[in-house]
């Protein structure tokens, strides 16, 4: 579907579009000389096509539906004029890749760095991000995860208001610029995951309803009509999503996809669309001879998502685990608003290092039993974080964890993350304790939407008691969310970066941590003293991480082994030159031993 270059030498191109029950569809071409209308023939019911000779590459076009208007291509690969403008023909064979030897990474070795292209660098482009990859290598992460990069209205957006599934956001660069970023990642040994949204499309520039039954009122979603995966004539929507999965993996060489909010994907078909997405990704990986991973975002604690089809599951490789974030966040901050009401107990930590916290228990927030048992699922099936775009950006003030807890507690949070037997995810700026917020920002062109988005945020924040927040539509909201350039870091930023860098090195190099084995993980807590002990072992080597969340110093037990890491060392902002004989209040120490196993 869409525009396909058949012969670059002669300029032959084919245009195809699904237009359900339309009497006439025409192709509208645009160049410097003006606009030309080309008839399209109905090659089969509801499918219209046209063949163009001597078509210029990067030609602009729309489809004209008789009596309804001119609309961008649902399969548009680029919208140089924005969500309402003409689509552009893209030659995907033009870019010369240099990653032929790249095979991808094992799921269990991923250390993910989530970033927003627009806010990651001052330039806010794919090319500028490519120039910062050496910084990420220095930090030690090995995978980047891009928040959605499809075309959205206006100058900036988180990306979840995409107007179609295939376009590359012109604010960040061209399709070739995105390919260059992924190519450079692979040349430097970094994997790249793309956040994709199949549960809804944005409210502005979404012209799919003009073409046919891509949405359905059969189900209700937070965004209105549901994406049509199971109602009449759902075949085109299902086909479009599966085409999109292949598109990002084949044309852009992504190593995986993060599937946004799959709990809002409604499908009662015999084969769920998620299972088809999984099957499509696995077939693509086999054809390309590369490792490709699917990671789902879900708040349901449902192992069905990650279990294989022969066990009644959908076969998604891994999922985000909110319970881990919520446990750590509430223990450190004391917050109890909104969904945090279900958390905040130090004694919950041992369970969440082995399983979901909610495995069928009653949730006060959801007012129902929530979750399933994931104790038998391996650690590599779960992605955990102490900060991510949702948990930071969906606060009224966009406060990062560093604005809510003190510096020592921030280091404790990082230690708790990297000592988990799960895949760790960092949110950009976390690694140096970025002080700028990450706010929710939009730039709708529709005045009614501009007003609606502000009102919608007020409703969303009621459960948390937040009533004062920056307007998402103000330019300053975006500009204040950009990262601080490294040359402007203060001493504490540098100390935190060193802490993260060395902690990641330990995580990657030590077999007790790099093997994501829940069975070889033991967590104990002392509620009264606020001490947390995490033991991880592999073979004959054991690591013991001690975390003091209380207000008193404690003598270090000599039997636990030699000291190999201390959050209190001066290079990390503490006051210790060498080993310590006490575990200081709000401190973290790692001990290594080879005895007693």
Protein backbone atom coordinates (compact mmCIF):
# COMPACT_ATOMS: atom_id res chain seq x y z
CA UNK A 1 0.00 0.00 0.00
CA UNK A 2 1.04 3.64 -0.36
CA UNK A 3 3.69 4.84 -2.82
CA UNK A 4 6.25 2.41 -4.22
CA UNK A 5 9.09 3.18 -6.64
CA UNK A 6 9.13 0.35 -9.17
CA UNK A 7 11.94 1.56 -11.43
CA UNK A 8 14.31 4.37 -10.47
CA UNK A 9 15.70 4.65 -13.98
CA UNK A 10 12.36 5.33 -15.66
CA UNK A 11 10.69 6.94 -12.68
CA UNK A 12 7.87 4.43 -12.62
CA UNK A 13 5.91 4.49 -9.35
CA UNK A 14 2.74 2.83 -8.12
CA UNK A 15 0.24 4.33 -5.70
CA UNK A 16 -2.29 2.10 -3.89
CA UNK A 17 -4.84 2.95 -1.22
CA UNK A 18 -7.70 1.28 0.64
CA UNK A 19 -10.85 3.43 0.37
CA UNK A 20 -13.91 1.59 1.62
CA UNK A 21 -17.11 1.96 -0.44
CA UNK A 22 -15.90 5.11 -2.23
CA UNK A 23 -17.32 5.92 -5.66
CA UNK A 24 -14.19 7.58 -7.00
CA UNK A 25 -10.61 8.06 -5.79
CA UNK A 26 -7.99 10.15 -7.56
CA UNK A 27 -4.28 10.77 -7.11
CA UNK A 28 -3.32 14.40 -6.57
CA UNK A 29 0.30 15.16 -7.50
CA UNK A 30 2.11 18.35 -6.56
CA UNK A 31 5.33 19.89 -7.89
CA UNK A 32 6.76 23.34 -8.52
CA UNK A 33 4.56 23.76 -11.60
CA UNK A 34 1.35 23.09 -9.69
CA UNK A 35 -1.03 20.21 -9.04
CA UNK A 36 -2.10 17.38 -11.33
CA UNK A 37 -5.02 15.01 -10.87
CA UNK A 38 -4.58 11.39 -12.00
CA UNK A 39 -7.51 8.90 -12.12
CA UNK A 40 -7.17 5.75 -10.02
CA UNK A 41 -8.70 2.41 -10.95
CA UNK A 42 -10.40 0.01 -8.56
CA UNK A 43 -8.16 -3.02 -8.98
CA UNK A 44 -10.22 -5.01 -6.49
CA UNK A 45 -13.08 -4.05 -4.17
CA UNK A 46 -12.09 -1.00 -2.10
CA UNK A 47 -8.47 -0.99 -3.37
CA UNK A 48 -7.54 1.81 -5.79
CA UNK A 49 -4.28 2.13 -7.68
CA UNK A 50 -2.48 4.27 -10.24
CA UNK A 51 0.77 3.78 -12.15
CA UNK A 52 2.85 6.88 -12.88
CA UNK A 53 5.64 7.07 -15.45
CA UNK A 54 8.47 9.60 -15.16
CA UNK A 55 7.59 10.32 -11.55
CA UNK A 56 10.19 12.42 -9.78
CA UNK A 57 11.62 10.87 -6.64
CA UNK A 58 10.36 12.56 -3.49
CA UNK A 59 7.20 13.58 -5.34
CA UNK A 60 4.42 15.09 -3.20
CA UNK A 61 0.95 13.58 -3.35
CA UNK A 62 -2.45 13.18 -1.71
CA UNK A 63 -5.49 11.06 -2.40
CA UNK A 64 -8.73 12.78 -3.43
CA UNK A 65 -11.89 11.05 -2.26
CA UNK A 66 -14.83 12.18 -4.33
CA UNK A 67 -17.05 14.57 -2.43
CA UNK A 68 -15.01 14.37 0.77
CA UNK A 69 -11.66 16.07 0.18
CA UNK A 70 -7.93 15.60 -0.30
CA UNK A 71 -6.09 13.58 2.36
CA UNK A 72 -2.53 12.43 3.12
CA UNK A 73 -1.66 8.81 2.41
CA UNK A 74 -2.48 6.48 5.35
CA UNK A 75 0.81 4.72 4.51
CA UNK A 76 2.79 7.97 4.13
CA UNK A 77 6.47 7.53 4.94
CA UNK A 78 7.11 11.26 5.28
CA UNK A 79 5.01 14.40 5.78
CA UNK A 80 7.32 17.33 4.95
CA UNK A 81 4.46 19.81 5.36
CA UNK A 82 3.14 18.34 8.62
CA UNK A 83 0.16 16.15 9.48
CA UNK A 84 -2.28 18.01 7.21
CA UNK A 85 0.03 18.42 4.22
CA UNK A 86 1.07 16.38 1.22
CA UNK A 87 2.80 13.03 1.59
CA UNK A 88 6.19 12.47 -0.02
CA UNK A 89 7.42 9.49 -2.03
CA UNK A 90 10.46 7.98 -0.30
CA UNK A 91 13.12 5.81 -1.94
CA UNK A 92 14.21 3.46 0.83
CA UNK A 93 16.91 1.91 -1.35
CA UNK A 94 18.84 5.18 -1.56
CA UNK A 95 20.45 4.92 1.88
CA UNK A 96 23.64 2.81 1.93
CA UNK A 97 23.77 0.82 5.17
CA UNK A 98 27.04 0.00 6.95
CA UNK A 99 25.78 -2.46 9.58
CA UNK A 100 25.96 -5.68 7.57
CA UNK A 101 27.70 -7.60 10.38
CA UNK A 102 25.20 -6.58 13.06
CA UNK A 103 23.22 -9.46 14.58
CA UNK A 104 21.68 -7.72 17.58
CA UNK A 105 21.94 -8.40 21.30
CA UNK A 106 20.63 -11.05 23.63
CA UNK A 107 17.56 -9.92 25.53
CA UNK A 108 19.18 -10.62 28.90
CA UNK A 109 22.13 -8.31 28.24
CA UNK A 110 20.11 -5.19 27.41
CA UNK A 111 20.69 -2.04 29.45
CA UNK A 112 18.19 0.38 27.98
CA UNK A 113 18.42 4.17 27.76
CA UNK A 114 15.08 5.78 26.95
CA UNK A 115 15.24 9.14 25.19
CA UNK A 116 13.13 11.75 23.45
CA UNK A 117 14.85 12.88 20.26
CA UNK A 118 13.61 16.48 20.55
CA UNK A 119 14.80 16.98 24.14
CA UNK A 120 17.93 14.81 24.14
CA UNK A 121 20.15 17.41 22.42
CA UNK A 122 19.93 21.19 21.92
CA UNK A 123 19.36 20.59 18.20
CA UNK A 124 16.67 17.96 18.79
CA UNK A 125 17.45 15.92 15.66
CA UNK A 126 18.37 12.38 14.66
CA UNK A 127 21.77 13.56 13.44
CA UNK A 128 22.52 15.36 16.70
CA UNK A 129 21.56 12.25 18.68
CA UNK A 130 23.97 10.22 16.53
CA UNK A 131 26.78 12.54 17.60
CA UNK A 132 26.10 11.75 21.28
CA UNK A 133 26.42 7.99 21.02
CA UNK A 134 29.98 8.00 22.36
CA UNK A 135 28.61 9.59 25.53
CA UNK A 136 26.20 6.67 25.94
CA UNK A 137 29.05 4.21 25.35
CA UNK A 138 31.04 5.96 28.07
CA UNK A 139 28.07 5.58 30.41
CA UNK A 140 27.89 1.87 29.56
CA UNK A 141 24.36 1.41 28.27
CA UNK A 142 24.05 -0.81 25.21
CA UNK A 143 20.54 -0.09 23.93
CA UNK A 144 18.66 3.10 23.12
CA UNK A 145 14.87 3.24 23.16
CA UNK A 146 13.38 6.10 21.15
CA UNK A 147 10.07 7.56 22.20
CA UNK A 148 7.75 7.55 19.14
CA UNK A 149 9.12 9.30 16.04
CA UNK A 150 6.08 9.40 13.76
CA UNK A 151 4.72 12.74 12.57
CA UNK A 152 2.78 14.73 15.19
CA UNK A 153 1.13 18.17 15.01
CA UNK A 154 3.23 21.28 15.42
CA UNK A 155 6.82 21.73 16.54
CA UNK A 156 7.01 19.23 19.40
CA UNK A 157 5.17 16.40 21.08
CA UNK A 158 5.98 13.36 23.18
CA UNK A 159 5.19 11.31 20.08
CA UNK A 160 2.09 9.46 21.23
CA UNK A 161 -0.13 11.75 19.13
CA UNK A 162 1.15 10.31 15.86
CA UNK A 163 -1.09 11.00 12.86
CA UNK A 164 -0.12 7.81 11.04
CA UNK A 165 2.04 4.78 11.66
CA UNK A 166 4.75 5.04 8.99
CA UNK A 167 5.85 8.68 8.77
CA UNK A 168 9.12 9.95 10.22
CA UNK A 169 8.75 13.20 12.16
CA UNK A 170 10.05 16.05 10.02
CA UNK A 171 11.01 18.01 13.15
CA UNK A 172 13.74 15.45 13.83
CA UNK A 173 15.00 15.02 10.27
CA UNK A 174 14.41 12.87 7.21
CA UNK A 175 13.95 9.10 6.90
CA UNK A 176 17.62 8.85 5.90
CA UNK A 177 18.59 10.79 9.03
CA UNK A 178 16.83 8.21 11.19
CA UNK A 179 18.56 5.43 9.27
CA UNK A 180 21.88 7.16 9.88
CA UNK A 181 21.22 7.19 13.64
CA UNK A 182 20.40 3.47 13.73
CA UNK A 183 23.31 2.67 11.43
CA UNK A 184 25.72 4.53 13.72
CA UNK A 185 24.27 2.73 16.74
CA UNK A 186 24.98 -0.64 15.18
CA UNK A 187 28.48 0.33 14.09
CA UNK A 188 29.23 1.26 17.71
CA UNK A 189 27.65 -1.85 19.21
CA UNK A 190 24.41 -0.25 20.40
CA UNK A 191 20.99 -1.79 19.81
CA UNK A 192 18.00 0.45 19.03
CA UNK A 193 14.36 -0.04 20.03
CA UNK A 194 11.46 2.08 18.77
CA UNK A 195 8.37 2.94 20.80
CA UNK A 196 5.30 2.33 18.61
CA UNK A 197 1.65 3.10 19.31
CA UNK A 198 -1.03 0.68 18.11
CA UNK A 199 -3.71 1.47 20.70
CA UNK A 200 -4.77 4.84 19.22
CA UNK A 201 -3.78 7.59 16.80
CA UNK A 202 -3.48 11.27 17.64
CA UNK A 203 -6.54 13.52 17.59
CA UNK A 204 -5.18 15.91 14.94
CA UNK A 205 -4.19 14.84 11.44
CA UNK A 206 -5.62 11.33 11.77
CA UNK A 207 -7.46 10.93 8.46
CA UNK A 208 -7.93 7.17 8.64
CA UNK A 209 -11.71 7.48 9.27
CA UNK A 210 -12.04 9.19 5.87
CA UNK A 211 -10.73 6.03 4.20
CA UNK A 212 -12.78 3.39 5.95
CA UNK A 213 -13.58 1.45 9.14
CA UNK A 214 -10.16 1.67 10.76
CA UNK A 215 -11.86 2.43 14.11
CA UNK A 216 -14.82 0.93 15.92
CA UNK A 217 -17.31 1.94 18.60
CA UNK A 218 -17.48 -1.68 19.73
CA UNK A 219 -14.98 -0.85 22.48
CA UNK A 220 -14.38 2.27 24.55
CA UNK A 221 -10.85 3.60 25.14
CA UNK A 222 -9.41 6.71 26.83
CA UNK A 223 -9.09 8.16 23.33
CA UNK A 224 -12.63 7.42 22.12
CA UNK A 225 -13.35 4.90 19.36
CA UNK A 226 -11.04 1.90 19.50
CA UNK A 227 -8.63 0.85 16.79
CA UNK A 228 -10.58 -1.74 14.82
CA UNK A 229 -8.90 -5.08 15.42
CA UNK A 230 -12.00 -7.24 15.74
CA UNK A 231 -15.09 -5.55 14.29
CA UNK A 232 -16.42 -5.68 10.72
CA UNK A 233 -13.80 -5.01 8.03
CA UNK A 234 -10.96 -5.08 10.59
CA UNK A 235 -8.67 -6.84 8.10
CA UNK A 236 -7.19 -3.59 6.76
CA UNK A 237 -6.29 -2.25 10.20
CA UNK A 238 -4.74 -5.54 11.24
CA UNK A 239 -2.82 -5.69 7.97
CA UNK A 240 -1.62 -2.11 8.40
CA UNK A 241 -0.22 -2.80 11.87
CA UNK A 242 1.59 -5.95 10.75
CA UNK A 243 2.98 -4.05 7.75
CA UNK A 244 4.17 -1.40 10.19
CA UNK A 245 5.97 -3.95 12.36
CA UNK A 246 7.87 -5.23 9.31
CA UNK A 247 8.49 -1.68 8.06
CA UNK A 248 10.43 -0.47 11.11
CA UNK A 249 12.40 -3.70 11.41
CA UNK A 250 13.24 -4.06 7.72
CA UNK A 251 13.56 -0.50 6.36
CA UNK A 252 15.08 1.09 9.48
CA UNK A 253 16.90 -1.92 10.98
CA UNK A 254 15.46 -1.43 14.47
CA UNK A 255 16.34 -4.21 16.91
CA UNK A 256 12.95 -4.23 18.54
CA UNK A 257 9.72 -2.44 19.26
CA UNK A 258 8.25 -1.22 22.52
CA UNK A 259 4.47 -1.57 22.25
CA UNK A 260 2.72 1.30 23.99
CA UNK A 261 -0.12 0.68 26.50
CA UNK A 262 -1.22 -2.69 25.15
CA UNK A 263 -3.89 -2.91 27.87
CA UNK A 264 -5.79 -0.39 25.70
CA UNK A 265 -5.63 -2.62 22.62
CA UNK A 266 -9.07 -4.23 22.38
CA UNK A 267 -9.30 -7.46 20.40
CA UNK A 268 -11.68 -10.38 20.81
CA UNK A 269 -10.55 -12.16 17.64
CA UNK A 270 -9.66 -15.87 17.77
CA UNK A 271 -6.02 -14.82 17.34
CA UNK A 272 -5.20 -11.65 19.24
CA UNK A 273 -3.39 -8.95 17.25
CA UNK A 274 -0.55 -9.07 19.80
CA UNK A 275 0.06 -12.72 18.98
CA UNK A 276 0.14 -11.85 15.28
CA UNK A 277 2.55 -8.99 15.97
CA UNK A 278 4.80 -11.41 17.86
CA UNK A 279 4.66 -13.99 15.08
CA UNK A 280 5.41 -11.34 12.46
CA UNK A 281 8.43 -10.06 14.40
CA UNK A 282 9.82 -13.57 14.86
CA UNK A 283 9.44 -14.37 11.16
CA UNK A 284 11.13 -11.08 10.28
CA UNK A 285 14.01 -11.83 12.65
CA UNK A 286 14.50 -15.24 11.05
CA UNK A 287 14.44 -13.78 7.54
CA UNK A 288 16.94 -11.05 8.47
CA UNK A 289 19.08 -13.35 10.64
CA UNK A 290 19.01 -10.82 13.47
CA UNK A 291 17.84 -10.81 17.08
CA UNK A 292 14.65 -8.78 17.34
CA UNK A 293 12.70 -8.15 20.55
CA UNK A 294 9.19 -7.01 21.40
CA UNK A 295 8.61 -5.30 24.75
CA UNK A 296 5.08 -4.47 25.90
CA UNK A 297 3.95 -1.71 28.20
CA UNK A 298 1.07 -2.92 30.36
CA UNK A 299 -0.35 -2.17 33.80
CA UNK A 300 -2.24 -5.47 34.13
CA UNK A 301 0.49 -7.75 35.57
CA UNK A 302 -0.63 -10.44 33.13
CA UNK A 303 1.83 -13.20 32.21
CA UNK A 304 -0.37 -14.15 29.26
CA UNK A 305 1.31 -11.33 27.36
CA UNK A 306 4.79 -12.83 27.68
CA UNK A 307 3.96 -16.54 27.79
CA UNK A 308 4.36 -18.48 24.53
CA UNK A 309 1.29 -19.37 22.44
CA UNK A 310 1.59 -23.06 23.38
CA UNK A 311 0.97 -21.96 26.97
CA UNK A 312 -1.96 -19.74 26.01
CA UNK A 313 0.10 -16.56 25.72
CA UNK A 314 0.79 -13.96 23.04
CA UNK A 315 4.54 -14.60 22.76
CA UNK A 316 5.75 -11.04 23.45
CA UNK A 317 9.37 -11.23 24.62
CA UNK A 318 9.23 -8.93 27.66
CA UNK A 319 7.08 -6.35 29.43
CA UNK A 320 7.47 -3.28 31.60
CA UNK A 321 6.86 -4.02 35.28
CA UNK A 322 5.34 -0.99 36.99
CA UNK A 323 5.22 -2.71 40.39
CA UNK A 324 8.99 -2.47 40.72
CA UNK A 325 9.04 1.26 40.03
CA UNK A 326 6.10 1.95 42.32
CA UNK A 327 7.61 -0.02 45.22
CA UNK A 328 10.97 1.75 45.07
CA UNK A 329 9.44 5.18 44.38
CA UNK A 330 6.99 5.11 47.27
CA UNK A 331 9.47 3.66 49.77
CA UNK A 332 11.87 6.51 49.02
CA UNK A 333 9.40 9.37 48.60
CA UNK A 334 6.57 8.40 50.94
CA UNK A 335 4.04 9.38 48.27
CA UNK A 336 0.60 7.75 48.55
CA UNK A 337 -1.49 9.66 45.98
CA UNK A 338 -3.28 8.06 43.04
CA UNK A 339 -2.12 4.55 42.20
CA UNK A 340 0.73 4.90 44.70
CA UNK A 341 -1.87 4.16 47.39
CA UNK A 342 -1.26 0.44 46.74
CA UNK A 343 2.47 0.70 47.57
CA UNK A 344 4.89 2.21 50.07
CA UNK A 345 5.79 -0.81 52.23
CA UNK A 346 9.46 -1.71 52.62
CA UNK A 347 8.47 -5.32 53.27
CA UNK A 348 7.13 -5.56 49.68
CA UNK A 349 10.64 -5.44 48.21
CA UNK A 350 11.47 -9.17 48.61
CA UNK A 351 8.45 -10.17 46.53
CA UNK A 352 8.93 -7.65 43.74
CA UNK A 353 12.46 -8.95 43.08
CA UNK A 354 10.91 -12.35 42.32
CA UNK A 355 7.47 -11.57 40.94
CA UNK A 356 4.88 -8.89 40.40
CA UNK A 357 3.81 -7.37 43.69
CA UNK A 358 0.16 -7.83 42.78
CA UNK A 359 -0.37 -11.46 41.79
CA UNK A 360 -4.14 -11.56 42.25
CA UNK A 361 -4.49 -9.49 45.43
CA UNK A 362 -7.07 -6.73 45.85
CA UNK A 363 -5.94 -3.31 44.62
CA UNK A 364 -7.31 -0.34 46.53
CA UNK A 365 -6.70 1.93 43.54
CA UNK A 366 -8.22 -0.35 40.89
CA UNK A 367 -10.97 -1.54 43.25
CA UNK A 368 -10.53 -5.13 42.12
CA UNK A 369 -8.14 -8.07 42.30
CA UNK A 370 -5.13 -7.44 40.06
CA UNK A 371 -2.35 -9.51 38.57
CA UNK A 372 -1.18 -13.06 37.95
CA UNK A 373 1.73 -15.20 39.11
CA UNK A 374 5.00 -14.52 37.27
CA UNK A 375 7.29 -16.40 39.64
CA UNK A 376 8.16 -18.97 36.95
CA UNK A 377 8.92 -16.38 34.27
CA UNK A 378 12.62 -15.55 33.85
CA UNK A 379 13.96 -12.15 34.87
CA UNK A 380 14.82 -11.23 31.28
CA UNK A 381 11.09 -10.99 30.54
CA UNK A 382 10.72 -7.85 32.66
CA UNK A 383 11.95 -4.30 32.12
CA UNK A 384 12.17 -2.21 35.29
CA UNK A 385 13.06 1.39 36.03
CA UNK A 386 13.21 3.97 38.79
CA UNK A 387 12.38 6.73 36.28
CA UNK A 388 10.79 6.73 32.82
CA UNK A 389 8.93 9.19 30.63
CA UNK A 390 5.54 8.25 32.10
CA UNK A 391 6.44 8.32 35.78
CA UNK A 392 8.30 11.62 35.43
CA UNK A 393 6.37 13.39 32.68
CA UNK A 394 2.92 12.48 33.94
CA UNK A 395 3.51 14.39 37.15
CA UNK A 396 2.08 17.91 37.17
CA UNK A 397 5.52 19.46 37.55
CA UNK A 398 7.44 16.82 35.60
CA UNK A 399 9.66 16.32 38.62
CA UNK A 400 12.45 13.81 38.30
CA UNK A 401 13.22 11.61 41.28
CA UNK A 402 16.11 13.90 42.20
CA UNK A 403 13.62 16.67 42.97
CA UNK A 404 11.75 14.39 45.40
CA UNK A 405 14.56 12.73 47.37
CA UNK A 406 18.02 13.71 48.53
CA UNK A 407 21.25 12.83 46.71
CA UNK A 408 22.13 9.74 48.81
CA UNK A 409 18.61 8.33 48.31
CA UNK A 410 18.97 8.85 44.58
CA UNK A 411 22.04 6.60 44.63
CA UNK A 412 20.16 4.01 46.68
CA UNK A 413 17.42 3.97 44.02
CA UNK A 414 20.00 3.30 41.30
CA UNK A 415 21.55 0.52 43.36
CA UNK A 416 18.17 -1.12 43.88
CA UNK A 417 17.62 -0.98 40.12
CA UNK A 418 20.90 -2.53 39.03
CA UNK A 419 20.78 -5.26 41.66
CA UNK A 420 17.46 -6.51 40.31
CA UNK A 421 17.41 -9.71 38.21
CA UNK A 422 15.53 -7.79 35.50
CA UNK A 423 16.39 -5.66 32.44
CA UNK A 424 17.17 -2.12 33.67
CA UNK A 425 15.88 0.97 31.86
CA UNK A 426 17.22 4.47 32.45
CA UNK A 427 15.41 7.64 31.44
CA UNK A 428 17.61 10.26 29.78
CA UNK A 429 19.27 12.54 32.33
CA UNK A 430 18.79 10.10 35.20
CA UNK A 431 22.43 9.09 34.95
CA UNK A 432 23.70 12.50 36.08
CA UNK A 433 20.75 13.60 38.27
CA UNK A 434 19.31 16.06 35.73
CA UNK A 435 17.60 18.90 37.55
CA UNK A 436 15.41 20.08 34.67
CA UNK A 437 11.94 18.55 34.69
CA UNK A 438 10.52 16.46 31.89
CA UNK A 439 7.08 17.92 31.29
CA UNK A 440 4.19 16.93 29.07
CA UNK A 441 4.39 19.17 25.99
CA UNK A 442 2.26 19.51 22.85
CA UNK A 443 1.87 21.95 19.98
CA UNK A 444 -1.52 21.32 18.42
CA UNK A 445 -2.57 23.44 15.49
CA UNK A 446 -6.29 23.12 16.28
CA UNK A 447 -7.36 25.84 18.81
CA UNK A 448 -10.02 23.55 20.32
CA UNK A 449 -7.43 20.85 20.98
CA UNK A 450 -5.09 23.39 22.54
CA UNK A 451 -7.76 24.17 25.13
CA UNK A 452 -8.85 20.54 25.55
CA UNK A 453 -5.39 19.21 26.33
CA UNK A 454 -4.97 21.63 29.24
CA UNK A 455 -8.36 20.69 30.65
CA UNK A 456 -7.59 17.02 30.19
CA UNK A 457 -4.45 17.29 32.28
CA UNK A 458 -6.44 18.86 35.11
CA UNK A 459 -8.81 15.88 35.13
CA UNK A 460 -5.90 13.43 35.02
CA UNK A 461 -4.22 15.00 38.05
CA UNK A 462 -7.29 15.05 40.31
CA UNK A 463 -6.45 11.70 41.91
CA UNK A 464 -3.01 13.03 42.84
CA UNK A 465 -4.22 16.37 44.17
CA UNK A 466 -2.08 18.33 41.71
CA UNK A 467 -3.75 21.51 40.49
CA UNK A 468 -0.84 23.68 39.39
CA UNK A 469 1.18 22.72 36.32
CA UNK A 470 2.77 24.28 33.23
CA UNK A 471 0.53 24.54 30.17
CA UNK A 472 1.52 21.77 27.73
CA UNK A 473 0.91 24.20 24.85
CA UNK A 474 3.40 26.83 26.03
CA UNK A 475 6.75 26.82 24.21
CA UNK A 476 8.54 27.23 27.55
CA UNK A 477 7.16 23.85 28.68
CA UNK A 478 9.16 22.10 25.97
CA UNK A 479 12.29 24.21 26.33
CA UNK A 480 12.47 23.63 30.08
CA UNK A 481 12.33 19.86 29.47
CA UNK A 482 15.55 19.63 27.46
CA UNK A 483 18.67 18.08 28.96
CA UNK A 484 21.44 20.19 30.43
CA UNK A 485 24.52 20.16 28.13
CA UNK A 486 27.43 18.32 29.71
CA UNK A 487 29.61 21.43 29.76
CA UNK A 488 27.07 22.99 32.14
CA UNK A 489 27.00 20.14 34.66
CA UNK A 490 27.75 20.95 38.28
CA UNK A 491 29.93 18.81 40.56
CA UNK A 492 27.02 16.71 41.76
CA UNK A 493 26.03 15.91 38.17
CA UNK A 494 29.56 14.66 37.53
CA UNK A 495 29.59 12.56 40.71
CA UNK A 496 26.28 10.91 39.82
CA UNK A 497 27.46 10.14 36.30
CA UNK A 498 30.57 8.44 37.74
CA UNK A 499 28.34 6.48 40.11
CA UNK A 500 26.06 5.25 37.30
CA UNK A 501 28.99 4.50 34.99
CA UNK A 502 30.75 2.34 37.59
CA UNK A 503 27.54 0.67 38.72
CA UNK A 504 26.72 -0.25 35.11
CA UNK A 505 30.24 -1.60 34.66
CA UNK A 506 29.74 -3.80 37.72
CA UNK A 507 26.36 -4.93 36.43
CA UNK A 508 27.77 -5.92 33.03
CA UNK A 509 31.03 -7.49 34.20
CA UNK A 510 30.07 -9.42 37.32
CA UNK A 511 28.43 -12.82 36.66
CA UNK A 512 26.28 -12.55 39.79
CA UNK A 513 24.57 -9.50 38.27
CA UNK A 514 24.81 -10.08 34.53
CA UNK A 515 22.99 -13.42 34.82
CA UNK A 516 19.35 -12.48 35.32
CA UNK A 517 18.56 -15.35 37.64
CA UNK A 518 15.68 -14.77 40.04
CA UNK A 519 16.42 -18.09 41.74
CA UNK A 520 19.87 -16.82 42.71
CA UNK A 521 18.45 -13.65 44.21
CA UNK A 522 17.51 -13.17 47.84
CA UNK A 523 16.15 -9.96 49.38
CA UNK A 524 15.64 -9.39 53.10
CA UNK A 525 14.49 -6.25 54.87
CA UNK A 526 14.44 -5.03 58.44
CA UNK A 527 11.42 -2.78 58.72
CA UNK A 528 12.50 -1.28 62.05
CA UNK A 529 16.05 -0.30 61.05
CA UNK A 530 15.16 0.29 57.37
CA UNK A 531 17.96 -1.98 56.21
CA UNK A 532 17.68 -3.82 52.88
CA UNK A 533 20.02 -6.67 51.92
CA UNK A 534 20.14 -8.07 48.39
CA UNK A 535 22.17 -11.21 47.71
CA UNK A 536 22.95 -12.23 44.14
CA UNK A 537 25.17 -15.19 43.35
CA UNK A 538 26.48 -17.19 40.42
CA UNK A 539 28.73 -20.21 40.63
CA UNK A 540 31.08 -19.73 43.57
CA UNK A 541 30.85 -15.94 43.71
CA UNK A 542 28.35 -13.95 45.75
CA UNK A 543 27.57 -10.24 45.94
CA UNK A 544 25.76 -8.69 48.87
CA UNK A 545 24.38 -5.18 48.47
CA UNK A 546 23.44 -3.42 51.70
CA UNK A 547 21.14 -0.40 51.63
CA UNK A 548 20.52 1.74 54.67
CA UNK A 549 17.30 3.70 54.22
CA UNK A 550 17.24 4.66 57.88
CA UNK A 551 18.75 7.46 59.93
CA UNK A 552 21.43 5.53 61.85
CA UNK A 553 24.84 4.14 60.92
CA UNK A 554 25.37 0.37 61.27
CA UNK A 555 28.59 -1.64 61.65
CA UNK A 556 29.48 -3.67 58.56
CA UNK A 557 29.38 -7.46 59.04
CA UNK A 558 32.88 -8.82 58.36
CA UNK A 559 31.47 -12.18 57.29
CA UNK A 560 29.86 -10.77 54.14
CA UNK A 561 33.12 -10.41 52.21
CA UNK A 562 35.35 -7.68 50.85
CA UNK A 563 34.08 -4.24 49.95
CA UNK A 564 34.07 -3.56 46.20
CA UNK A 565 31.65 -0.63 45.84
CA UNK A 566 30.56 2.16 48.16
CA UNK A 567 28.13 4.97 47.38
CA UNK A 568 29.88 6.95 50.12
CA UNK A 569 33.22 7.24 48.29
CA UNK A 570 34.26 10.81 47.51
CA UNK A 571 34.16 10.31 43.76
CA UNK A 572 30.44 9.63 44.14
CA UNK A 573 29.80 12.65 46.36
CA UNK A 574 30.40 10.98 49.73
CA UNK A 575 33.09 11.64 52.32
CA UNK A 576 35.00 8.34 52.26
CA UNK A 577 38.42 7.88 50.65
CA UNK A 578 38.56 4.11 51.03
CA UNK A 579 36.67 1.23 52.59
CA UNK A 580 34.21 1.90 55.37
CA UNK A 581 33.66 -0.05 58.57
CA UNK A 582 30.09 1.19 58.86
CA UNK A 583 27.08 1.39 56.60
CA UNK A 584 26.21 5.05 56.83
CA UNK A 585 22.66 6.31 56.96
CA UNK A 586 21.20 6.48 53.45
CA UNK A 587 24.24 4.55 52.25
CA UNK A 588 24.89 1.63 49.92
CA UNK A 589 27.80 -0.81 50.04
CA UNK A 590 28.50 -3.88 47.90
CA UNK A 591 30.49 -6.81 49.32
CA UNK A 592 31.93 -9.79 47.43
CA UNK A 593 32.63 -13.25 48.78
CA UNK A 594 33.41 -16.73 47.48
CA UNK A 595 32.67 -18.63 50.68
CA UNK A 596 29.64 -20.34 52.10
CA UNK A 597 27.93 -21.19 48.82
